[in-house]
Amino acid sequence: MTTHNPIKPAWTCGGCAGEWPCPTRRRELRAEYDRAPVSLALYLAAQLVDAAQDLAHVPAGHLHYRFLGWTR
């Protein structure tokens, strides 16, 4: 079980206090969804929708990269 879960509404990492998903959580998610990249994208898209409501002051492009762009 990871300690790198989001702390809402700031969307910081509970494990390292960085922006969530932090590099550690990204590695964990890649491993967890290794054979299911579409499922990973759907999960992260749902997180993005939640985060966009809390982080309305953050540019949309930054949120997109932060939550989805790195998965490519």
PDB file of N, CA and C in Angstrom:
ATOM      1  N   MET A   1       0.855  -1.183   0.000  1.00  0.00           N
ATOM      2  CA  MET A   1       0.000   0.000   0.000  1.00  0.00           C
ATOM      3  C   MET A   1       0.892   1.236   0.000  1.00  0.00           C
ATOM      4  N   THR A   2       0.566   2.191  -0.819  1.00  0.00           N
ATOM      5  CA  THR A   2       1.381   3.389  -0.953  1.00  0.00           C
ATOM      6  C   THR A   2       1.012   4.459   0.071  1.00  0.00           C
ATOM      7  N   THR A   3       1.985   5.270   0.400  1.00  0.00           N
ATOM      8  CA  THR A   3       1.715   6.454   1.225  1.00  0.00           C
ATOM      9  C   THR A   3       1.607   7.680   0.343  1.00  0.00           C
ATOM     10  N   HIS A   4       1.770   7.489  -0.956  1.00  0.00           N
ATOM     11  CA  HIS A   4       1.778   8.593  -1.906  1.00  0.00           C
ATOM     12  C   HIS A   4       0.390   8.822  -2.495  1.00  0.00           C
ATOM     13  N   ASN A   5      -0.564   9.101  -1.627  1.00  0.00           N
ATOM     14  CA  ASN A   5      -1.938   9.398  -2.017  1.00  0.00           C
ATOM     15  C   ASN A   5      -2.160  10.901  -1.974  1.00  0.00           C
ATOM     16  N   PRO A   6      -3.151  11.395  -2.732  1.00  0.00           N
ATOM     17  CA  PRO A   6      -3.376  12.836  -2.751  1.00  0.00           C
ATOM     18  C   PRO A   6      -4.000  13.352  -1.453  1.00  0.00           C
ATOM     19  N   ILE A   7      -3.518  14.503  -1.038  1.00  0.00           N
ATOM     20  CA  ILE A   7      -4.119  15.229   0.074  1.00  0.00           C
ATOM     21  C   ILE A   7      -4.940  16.349  -0.558  1.00  0.00           C
ATOM     22  N   LYS A   8      -6.234  16.235  -0.432  1.00  0.00           N
ATOM     23  CA  LYS A   8      -7.143  17.190  -1.061  1.00  0.00           C
ATOM     24  C   LYS A   8      -7.531  18.269  -0.053  1.00  0.00           C
ATOM     25  N   PRO A   9      -7.821  19.470  -0.429  1.00  0.00           N
ATOM     26  CA  PRO A   9      -8.015  19.985  -1.776  1.00  0.00           C
ATOM     27  C   PRO A   9      -6.746  20.531  -2.435  1.00  0.00           C
ATOM     28  N   ALA A  10      -5.603  20.440  -1.782  1.00  0.00           N
ATOM     29  CA  ALA A  10      -4.375  20.998  -2.347  1.00  0.00           C
ATOM     30  C   ALA A  10      -3.754  20.083  -3.401  1.00  0.00           C
ATOM     31  N   TRP A  11      -4.125  18.817  -3.398  1.00  0.00           N
ATOM     32  CA  TRP A  11      -3.584  17.820  -4.323  1.00  0.00           C
ATOM     33  C   TRP A  11      -2.070  17.722  -4.198  1.00  0.00           C
ATOM     34  N   THR A  12      -1.627  17.670  -2.942  1.00  0.00           N
ATOM     35  CA  THR A  12      -0.227  17.391  -2.665  1.00  0.00           C
ATOM     36  C   THR A  12      -0.115  15.923  -2.273  1.00  0.00           C
ATOM     37  N   CYS A  13       1.086  15.411  -2.326  1.00  0.00           N
ATOM     38  CA  CYS A  13       1.320  14.005  -2.027  1.00  0.00           C
ATOM     39  C   CYS A  13       1.464  13.796  -0.524  1.00  0.00           C
ATOM     40  N   GLY A  14       0.746  12.831   0.006  1.00  0.00           N
ATOM     41  CA  GLY A  14       0.835  12.500   1.415  1.00  0.00           C
ATOM     42  C   GLY A  14       2.136  11.838   1.805  1.00  0.00           C
ATOM     43  N   GLY A  15       2.879  11.353   0.837  1.00  0.00           N
ATOM     44  CA  GLY A  15       4.137  10.671   1.122  1.00  0.00           C
ATOM     45  C   GLY A  15       5.351  11.567   1.060  1.00  0.00           C
ATOM     46  N   CYS A  16       5.316  12.564   0.152  1.00  0.00           N
ATOM     47  CA  CYS A  16       6.512  13.397  -0.029  1.00  0.00           C
ATOM     48  C   CYS A  16       6.204  14.895  -0.115  1.00  0.00           C
ATOM     49  N   ALA A  17       4.942  15.264  -0.065  1.00  0.00           N
ATOM     50  CA  ALA A  17       4.487  16.661  -0.082  1.00  0.00           C
ATOM     51  C   ALA A  17       4.677  17.361  -1.424  1.00  0.00           C
ATOM     52  N   GLY A  18       5.028  16.622  -2.477  1.00  0.00           N
ATOM     53  CA  GLY A  18       5.116  17.213  -3.801  1.00  0.00           C
ATOM     54  C   GLY A  18       3.750  17.282  -4.453  1.00  0.00           C
ATOM     55  N   GLU A  19       3.710  17.756  -5.696  1.00  0.00           N
ATOM     56  CA  GLU A  19       2.455  17.752  -6.442  1.00  0.00           C
ATOM     57  C   GLU A  19       2.058  16.305  -6.718  1.00  0.00           C
ATOM     58  N   TRP A  20       0.768  16.013  -6.538  1.00  0.00           N
ATOM     59  CA  TRP A  20       0.288  14.666  -6.813  1.00  0.00           C
ATOM     60  C   TRP A  20      -0.211  14.590  -8.237  1.00  0.00           C
ATOM     61  N   PRO A  21       0.074  13.563  -8.994  1.00  0.00           N
ATOM     62  CA  PRO A  21       0.889  12.414  -8.655  1.00  0.00           C
ATOM     63  C   PRO A  21       2.383  12.734  -8.734  1.00  0.00           C
ATOM     64  N   CYS A  22       3.067  12.455  -7.670  1.00  0.00           N
ATOM     65  CA  CYS A  22       4.509  12.699  -7.568  1.00  0.00           C
ATOM     66  C   CYS A  22       5.265  11.648  -8.389  1.00  0.00           C
ATOM     67  N   PRO A  23       6.548  11.829  -8.599  1.00  0.00           N
ATOM     68  CA  PRO A  23       7.314  10.830  -9.369  1.00  0.00           C
ATOM     69  C   PRO A  23       7.209   9.406  -8.809  1.00  0.00           C
ATOM     70  N   THR A  24       7.190   9.276  -7.491  1.00  0.00           N
ATOM     71  CA  THR A  24       7.069   7.939  -6.901  1.00  0.00           C
ATOM     72  C   THR A  24       5.719   7.327  -7.240  1.00  0.00           C
ATOM     73  N   ARG A  25       4.658   8.101  -7.083  1.00  0.00           N
ATOM     74  CA  ARG A  25       3.322   7.576  -7.380  1.00  0.00           C
ATOM     75  C   ARG A  25       3.179   7.275  -8.859  1.00  0.00           C
ATOM     76  N   ARG A  26       3.801   8.080  -9.714  1.00  0.00           N
ATOM     77  CA  ARG A  26       3.759   7.802 -11.145  1.00  0.00           C
ATOM     78  C   ARG A  26       4.392   6.449 -11.452  1.00  0.00           C
ATOM     79  N   ARG A  27       5.533   6.168 -10.836  1.00  0.00           N
ATOM     80  CA  ARG A  27       6.175   4.862 -11.032  1.00  0.00           C
ATOM     81  C   ARG A  27       5.275   3.736 -10.532  1.00  0.00           C
ATOM     82  N   GLU A  28       4.665   3.953  -9.372  1.00  0.00           N
ATOM     83  CA  GLU A  28       3.767   2.936  -8.821  1.00  0.00           C
ATOM     84  C   GLU A  28       2.573   2.695  -9.744  1.00  0.00           C
ATOM     85  N   LEU A  29       1.999   3.778 -10.252  1.00  0.00           N
ATOM     86  CA  LEU A  29       0.844   3.648 -11.142  1.00  0.00           C
ATOM     87  C   LEU A  29       1.226   2.948 -12.446  1.00  0.00           C
ATOM     88  N   ARG A  30       2.388   3.292 -12.994  1.00  0.00           N
ATOM     89  CA  ARG A  30       2.845   2.616 -14.219  1.00  0.00           C
ATOM     90  C   ARG A  30       2.965   1.109 -13.980  1.00  0.00           C
ATOM     91  N   ALA A  31       3.504   0.729 -12.838  1.00  0.00           N
ATOM     92  CA  ALA A  31       3.646  -0.697 -12.520  1.00  0.00           C
ATOM     93  C   ALA A  31       2.284  -1.349 -12.287  1.00  0.00           C
ATOM     94  N   GLU A  32       1.420  -0.657 -11.574  1.00  0.00           N
ATOM     95  CA  GLU A  32       0.103  -1.200 -11.253  1.00  0.00           C
ATOM     96  C   GLU A  32      -0.750  -1.404 -12.509  1.00  0.00           C
ATOM     97  N   TYR A  33      -0.653  -0.466 -13.431  1.00  0.00           N
ATOM     98  CA  TYR A  33      -1.463  -0.511 -14.655  1.00  0.00           C
ATOM     99  C   TYR A  33      -0.619  -0.923 -15.868  1.00  0.00           C
ATOM    100  N   ASP A  34       0.414  -1.686 -15.636  1.00  0.00           N
ATOM    101  CA  ASP A  34       1.358  -2.058 -16.693  1.00  0.00           C
ATOM    102  C   ASP A  34       0.680  -2.587 -17.947  1.00  0.00           C
ATOM    103  N   ARG A  35      -0.280  -3.437 -17.790  1.00  0.00           N
ATOM    104  CA  ARG A  35      -0.946  -4.047 -18.941  1.00  0.00           C
ATOM    105  C   ARG A  35      -2.309  -3.429 -19.217  1.00  0.00           C
ATOM    106  N   ALA A  36      -2.577  -2.272 -18.613  1.00  0.00           N
ATOM    107  CA  ALA A  36      -3.882  -1.633 -18.792  1.00  0.00           C
ATOM    108  C   ALA A  36      -3.727  -0.115 -18.912  1.00  0.00           C
ATOM    109  N   PRO A  37      -3.048   0.359 -19.964  1.00  0.00           N
ATOM    110  CA  PRO A  37      -2.811   1.799 -20.083  1.00  0.00           C
ATOM    111  C   PRO A  37      -4.085   2.627 -20.237  1.00  0.00           C
ATOM    112  N   VAL A  38      -5.110   2.055 -20.852  1.00  0.00           N
ATOM    113  CA  VAL A  38      -6.369   2.795 -20.990  1.00  0.00           C
ATOM    114  C   VAL A  38      -7.019   2.953 -19.622  1.00  0.00           C
ATOM    115  N   SER A  39      -6.965   1.937 -18.812  1.00  0.00           N
ATOM    116  CA  SER A  39      -7.507   2.033 -17.452  1.00  0.00           C
ATOM    117  C   SER A  39      -6.752   3.078 -16.639  1.00  0.00           C
ATOM    118  N   LEU A  40      -5.440   3.142 -16.811  1.00  0.00           N
ATOM    119  CA  LEU A  40      -4.653   4.167 -16.128  1.00  0.00           C
ATOM    120  C   LEU A  40      -5.098   5.548 -16.572  1.00  0.00           C
ATOM    121  N   ALA A  41      -5.276   5.742 -17.869  1.00  0.00           N
ATOM    122  CA  ALA A  41      -5.709   7.042 -18.376  1.00  0.00           C
ATOM    123  C   ALA A  41      -7.093   7.410 -17.853  1.00  0.00           C
ATOM    124  N   LEU A  42      -7.993   6.455 -17.789  1.00  0.00           N
ATOM    125  CA  LEU A  42      -9.333   6.727 -17.263  1.00  0.00           C
ATOM    126  C   LEU A  42      -9.288   7.097 -15.779  1.00  0.00           C
ATOM    127  N   TYR A  43      -8.487   6.368 -15.021  1.00  0.00           N
ATOM    128  CA  TYR A  43      -8.335   6.675 -13.592  1.00  0.00           C
ATOM    129  C   TYR A  43      -7.792   8.092 -13.408  1.00  0.00           C
ATOM    130  N   LEU A  44      -6.740   8.413 -14.145  1.00  0.00           N
ATOM    131  CA  LEU A  44      -6.122   9.733 -14.000  1.00  0.00           C
ATOM    132  C   LEU A  44      -7.025  10.837 -14.526  1.00  0.00           C
ATOM    133  N   ALA A  45      -7.808  10.561 -15.559  1.00  0.00           N
ATOM    134  CA  ALA A  45      -8.759  11.557 -16.056  1.00  0.00           C
ATOM    135  C   ALA A  45      -9.809  11.871 -14.996  1.00  0.00           C
ATOM    136  N   ALA A  46     -10.271  10.875 -14.289  1.00  0.00           N
ATOM    137  CA  ALA A  46     -11.230  11.107 -13.204  1.00  0.00           C
ATOM    138  C   ALA A  46     -10.592  11.943 -12.092  1.00  0.00           C
ATOM    139  N   GLN A  47      -9.323  11.657 -11.787  1.00  0.00           N
ATOM    140  CA  GLN A  47      -8.621  12.455 -10.779  1.00  0.00           C
ATOM    141  C   GLN A  47      -8.447  13.891 -11.257  1.00  0.00           C
ATOM    142  N   LEU A  48      -8.172  14.066 -12.549  1.00  0.00           N
ATOM    143  CA  LEU A  48      -8.029  15.394 -13.128  1.00  0.00           C
ATOM    144  C   LEU A  48      -9.309  16.201 -12.991  1.00  0.00           C
ATOM    145  N   VAL A  49     -10.434  15.587 -13.253  1.00  0.00           N
ATOM    146  CA  VAL A  49     -11.722  16.283 -13.117  1.00  0.00           C
ATOM    147  C   VAL A  49     -11.910  16.760 -11.678  1.00  0.00           C
ATOM    148  N   ASP A  50     -11.625  15.911 -10.713  1.00  0.00           N
ATOM    149  CA  ASP A  50     -11.743  16.295  -9.301  1.00  0.00           C
ATOM    150  C   ASP A  50     -10.766  17.423  -8.967  1.00  0.00           C
ATOM    151  N   ALA A  51      -9.541  17.281  -9.425  1.00  0.00           N
ATOM    152  CA  ALA A  51      -8.515  18.279  -9.109  1.00  0.00           C
ATOM    153  C   ALA A  51      -8.824  19.632  -9.748  1.00  0.00           C
ATOM    154  N   ALA A  52      -9.381  19.626 -10.954  1.00  0.00           N
ATOM    155  CA  ALA A  52      -9.684  20.877 -11.646  1.00  0.00           C
ATOM    156  C   ALA A  52     -10.664  21.724 -10.850  1.00  0.00           C
ATOM    157  N   GLN A  53     -11.552  21.094 -10.126  1.00  0.00           N
ATOM    158  CA  GLN A  53     -12.495  21.840  -9.286  1.00  0.00           C
ATOM    159  C   GLN A  53     -11.773  22.482  -8.106  1.00  0.00           C
ATOM    160  N   ASP A  54     -10.838  21.767  -7.518  1.00  0.00           N
ATOM    161  CA  ASP A  54     -10.102  22.283  -6.364  1.00  0.00           C
ATOM    162  C   ASP A  54      -8.992  23.250  -6.764  1.00  0.00           C
ATOM    163  N   LEU A  55      -8.428  23.060  -7.940  1.00  0.00           N
ATOM    164  CA  LEU A  55      -7.269  23.837  -8.375  1.00  0.00           C
ATOM    165  C   LEU A  55      -7.629  24.737  -9.556  1.00  0.00           C
ATOM    166  N   ALA A  56      -8.743  25.440  -9.447  1.00  0.00           N
ATOM    167  CA  ALA A  56      -9.227  26.294 -10.533  1.00  0.00           C
ATOM    168  C   ALA A  56      -8.217  27.370 -10.921  1.00  0.00           C
ATOM    169  N   HIS A  57      -7.317  27.723 -10.035  1.00  0.00           N
ATOM    170  CA  HIS A  57      -6.312  28.759 -10.295  1.00  0.00           C
ATOM    171  C   HIS A  57      -5.113  28.240 -11.083  1.00  0.00           C
ATOM    172  N   VAL A  58      -5.001  26.928 -11.242  1.00  0.00           N
ATOM    173  CA  VAL A  58      -3.874  26.327 -11.963  1.00  0.00           C
ATOM    174  C   VAL A  58      -4.240  26.233 -13.445  1.00  0.00           C
ATOM    175  N   PRO A  59      -3.356  26.660 -14.343  1.00  0.00           N
ATOM    176  CA  PRO A  59      -3.658  26.584 -15.775  1.00  0.00           C
ATOM    177  C   PRO A  59      -4.005  25.157 -16.211  1.00  0.00           C
ATOM    178  N   ALA A  60      -4.983  25.061 -17.104  1.00  0.00           N
ATOM    179  CA  ALA A  60      -5.467  23.765 -17.564  1.00  0.00           C
ATOM    180  C   ALA A  60      -4.353  22.932 -18.193  1.00  0.00           C
ATOM    181  N   GLY A  61      -3.459  23.569 -18.929  1.00  0.00           N
ATOM    182  CA  GLY A  61      -2.367  22.832 -19.564  1.00  0.00           C
ATOM    183  C   GLY A  61      -1.455  22.174 -18.544  1.00  0.00           C
ATOM    184  N   HIS A  62      -1.209  22.875 -17.442  1.00  0.00           N
ATOM    185  CA  HIS A  62      -0.366  22.298 -16.390  1.00  0.00           C
ATOM    186  C   HIS A  62      -1.064  21.094 -15.763  1.00  0.00           C
ATOM    187  N   LEU A  63      -2.351  21.234 -15.487  1.00  0.00           N
ATOM    188  CA  LEU A  63      -3.084  20.114 -14.896  1.00  0.00           C
ATOM    189  C   LEU A  63      -3.118  18.925 -15.847  1.00  0.00           C
ATOM    190  N   HIS A  64      -3.314  19.182 -17.134  1.00  0.00           N
ATOM    191  CA  HIS A  64      -3.339  18.081 -18.099  1.00  0.00           C
ATOM    192  C   HIS A  64      -2.016  17.332 -18.089  1.00  0.00           C
ATOM    193  N   TYR A  65      -0.908  18.057 -18.152  1.00  0.00           N
ATOM    194  CA  TYR A  65       0.386  17.374 -18.144  1.00  0.00           C
ATOM    195  C   TYR A  65       0.601  16.638 -16.822  1.00  0.00           C
ATOM    196  N   ARG A  66       0.263  17.310 -15.736  1.00  0.00           N
ATOM    197  CA  ARG A  66       0.480  16.736 -14.405  1.00  0.00           C
ATOM    198  C   ARG A  66      -0.270  15.421 -14.225  1.00  0.00           C
ATOM    199  N   PHE A  67      -1.493  15.354 -14.724  1.00  0.00           N
ATOM    200  CA  PHE A  67      -2.313  14.163 -14.503  1.00  0.00           C
ATOM    201  C   PHE A  67      -2.276  13.164 -15.649  1.00  0.00           C
ATOM    202  N   LEU A  68      -2.131  13.634 -16.883  1.00  0.00           N
ATOM    203  CA  LEU A  68      -2.235  12.728 -18.026  1.00  0.00           C
ATOM    204  C   LEU A  68      -1.037  12.748 -18.968  1.00  0.00           C
ATOM    205  N   GLY A  69      -0.428  13.886 -19.156  1.00  0.00           N
ATOM    206  CA  GLY A  69       0.609  14.044 -20.167  1.00  0.00           C
ATOM    207  C   GLY A  69       1.800  13.123 -19.984  1.00  0.00           C
ATOM    208  N   TRP A  70       2.130  12.808 -18.775  1.00  0.00           N
ATOM    209  CA  TRP A  70       3.297  11.971 -18.485  1.00  0.00           C
ATOM    210  C   TRP A  70       3.067  10.499 -18.819  1.00  0.00           C
ATOM    211  N   THR A  71       1.834  10.122 -19.075  1.00  0.00           N
ATOM    212  CA  THR A  71       1.532   8.701 -19.301  1.00  0.00           C
ATOM    213  C   THR A  71       1.920   8.226 -20.689  1.00  0.00           C
ATOM    214  N   ARG A  72       2.241   9.106 -21.588  1.00  0.00           N
ATOM    215  CA  ARG A  72       2.566   8.720 -22.969  1.00  0.00           C
ATOM    216  C   ARG A  72       3.855   7.974 -23.068  1.00  0.00           C
TER     217      ARG A  72
END
